[in-house]
């Protein structure tokens, strides 16, 4: 018996949903590990901040796509869609974890900047004083 085209499309949407879900599970672990690197007192490898922000964007995009696919399946293809409460719960947990890890990353970044700012200001003040001397000496010549 040939499947209805709508049923085939619903099944392909379900496969896409499952694929996004598995990729999301992998990405959240990588994201967590990278976010834990950013803490005051530790040296941060170059590019890690950009990597974290990019991964967070990808996670949010995947979550958005998952929700869109779920809405489409629940609306237009309701008769072919079987909910998976366990997967839905895990997706919500991943969304919460991503927000939580990113929040911790941002607060760690702020702390690092707070620690570095006094040193940067001292360097700027030293630079200002030497600039003034150069200007002063230049005017007297």
Protein backbone atom coordinates (compact mmCIF):
# COMPACT_ATOMS: atom_id res chain seq x y z
CA UNK A 1 0.00 0.00 0.00
CA UNK A 2 1.38 3.39 -1.04
CA UNK A 3 1.76 6.01 1.69
CA UNK A 4 -0.06 9.28 1.51
CA UNK A 5 2.27 12.16 0.42
CA UNK A 6 1.30 14.04 3.58
CA UNK A 7 2.31 11.06 5.67
CA UNK A 8 5.66 10.82 3.88
CA UNK A 9 6.28 14.50 4.48
CA UNK A 10 5.30 14.17 8.16
CA UNK A 11 7.75 11.29 8.50
CA UNK A 12 10.53 13.36 6.90
CA UNK A 13 9.74 16.19 9.34
CA UNK A 14 9.94 13.72 12.20
CA UNK A 15 13.37 12.57 10.97
CA UNK A 16 14.53 16.19 10.76
CA UNK A 17 13.26 16.75 14.29
CA UNK A 18 15.12 13.70 15.54
CA UNK A 19 18.31 14.77 13.75
CA UNK A 20 18.19 18.26 15.27
CA UNK A 21 17.57 16.71 18.67
CA UNK A 22 20.63 14.43 18.51
CA UNK A 23 22.85 17.23 17.23
CA UNK A 24 21.59 19.48 19.99
CA UNK A 25 22.48 16.92 22.64
CA UNK A 26 26.06 16.81 21.31
CA UNK A 27 26.38 20.59 21.02
CA UNK A 28 25.14 21.30 24.55
CA UNK A 29 27.93 19.16 26.00
CA UNK A 30 30.58 20.97 23.97
CA UNK A 31 28.97 24.28 24.92
CA UNK A 32 29.00 23.42 28.63
CA UNK A 33 32.68 22.48 28.54
CA UNK A 34 33.66 25.69 26.77
CA UNK A 35 31.58 27.87 29.08
CA UNK A 36 33.27 26.33 32.13
CA UNK A 37 36.66 27.47 30.79
CA UNK A 38 35.71 31.14 31.17
CA UNK A 39 36.24 31.88 34.85
CA UNK A 40 38.17 34.62 36.61
CA UNK A 41 41.74 33.68 37.37
CA UNK A 42 42.13 31.33 34.42
CA UNK A 43 43.79 32.23 31.15
CA UNK A 44 41.32 32.06 28.30
CA UNK A 45 42.45 30.68 24.95
CA UNK A 46 42.07 33.03 22.01
CA UNK A 47 38.86 32.64 20.13
CA UNK A 48 37.01 30.79 22.88
CA UNK A 49 34.67 33.73 23.45
CA UNK A 50 33.74 33.83 19.78
CA UNK A 51 33.34 30.03 19.72
CA UNK A 52 31.00 30.12 22.71
CA UNK A 53 28.84 32.83 21.17
CA UNK A 54 28.70 30.98 17.84
CA UNK A 55 27.74 27.69 19.50
CA UNK A 56 25.05 29.48 21.51
CA UNK A 57 23.63 30.96 18.29
CA UNK A 58 23.61 27.50 16.70
CA UNK A 59 21.88 25.99 19.72
CA UNK A 60 19.23 28.69 19.72
CA UNK A 61 18.71 28.25 15.98
CA UNK A 62 18.33 24.48 16.38
CA UNK A 63 15.85 24.98 19.19
CA UNK A 64 13.89 27.39 17.03
CA UNK A 65 13.84 24.93 14.13
CA UNK A 66 12.74 22.12 16.45
CA UNK A 67 9.85 24.23 17.74
CA UNK A 68 8.85 25.19 14.20
CA UNK A 69 8.85 21.55 13.08
CA UNK A 70 6.86 20.52 16.16
CA UNK A 71 4.31 23.27 15.52
CA UNK A 72 3.97 22.21 11.89
CA UNK A 73 3.55 18.56 12.84
CA UNK A 74 1.04 19.34 15.59
CA UNK A 75 -0.93 21.67 13.36
CA UNK A 76 -0.99 20.60 9.73
CA UNK A 77 0.11 16.95 10.14
CA UNK A 78 -1.56 16.16 13.45
CA UNK A 79 -3.00 12.85 12.25
CA UNK A 80 0.49 11.49 11.47
CA UNK A 81 2.35 12.92 14.45
CA UNK A 82 2.97 11.03 17.67
CA UNK A 83 4.27 13.14 20.51
CA UNK A 84 7.39 12.05 22.31
CA UNK A 85 7.05 13.48 25.84
CA UNK A 86 10.52 12.31 26.93
CA UNK A 87 12.21 13.98 23.97
CA UNK A 88 10.12 17.15 24.44
CA UNK A 89 11.13 17.29 28.10
CA UNK A 90 14.81 16.84 27.23
CA UNK A 91 14.58 19.60 24.61
CA UNK A 92 13.17 21.96 27.25
CA UNK A 93 15.97 20.96 29.63
CA UNK A 94 18.59 21.61 26.94
CA UNK A 95 17.07 25.04 26.32
CA UNK A 96 17.26 25.82 30.05
CA UNK A 97 20.83 24.50 30.28
CA UNK A 98 21.96 26.58 27.31
CA UNK A 99 20.56 29.77 28.86
CA UNK A 100 22.08 28.89 32.21
CA UNK A 101 25.55 28.11 30.80
CA UNK A 102 25.52 31.26 28.67
CA UNK A 103 24.52 33.35 31.67
CA UNK A 104 27.42 31.89 33.67
CA UNK A 105 29.75 32.56 30.74
CA UNK A 106 28.63 36.20 30.54
CA UNK A 107 29.03 36.74 34.29
CA UNK A 108 32.49 35.11 34.21
CA UNK A 109 33.44 37.39 31.34
CA UNK A 110 32.27 40.45 33.27
CA UNK A 111 34.33 39.42 36.28
CA UNK A 112 37.41 38.99 34.11
CA UNK A 113 36.90 42.47 32.64
CA UNK A 114 36.42 43.95 36.11
CA UNK A 115 39.74 42.46 37.17
CA UNK A 116 41.51 43.68 34.04
CA UNK A 117 40.06 47.20 33.98
CA UNK A 118 42.16 48.64 36.82
CA UNK A 119 45.33 47.39 35.11
CA UNK A 120 44.22 48.84 31.77
CA UNK A 121 43.43 52.20 33.39
CA UNK A 122 46.86 52.26 35.05
CA UNK A 123 48.48 51.56 31.69
CA UNK A 124 46.46 54.35 30.08
CA UNK A 125 47.43 56.77 32.85
CA UNK A 126 51.10 55.89 32.43
CA UNK A 127 50.73 56.44 28.72
CA UNK A 128 49.05 59.82 29.28
CA UNK A 129 51.85 60.99 31.58
CA UNK A 130 54.58 60.02 29.12
CA UNK A 131 52.66 61.75 26.31
CA UNK A 132 52.51 64.92 28.38
CA UNK A 133 56.24 64.79 29.01
CA UNK A 134 56.93 64.41 25.32
CA UNK A 135 54.69 67.36 24.51
CA UNK A 136 56.26 69.43 27.28
CA UNK A 137 59.81 68.60 26.16
CA UNK A 138 58.89 69.23 22.56
CA UNK A 139 57.55 72.71 23.37
CA UNK A 140 60.72 73.65 25.29
CA UNK A 141 63.14 72.79 22.46
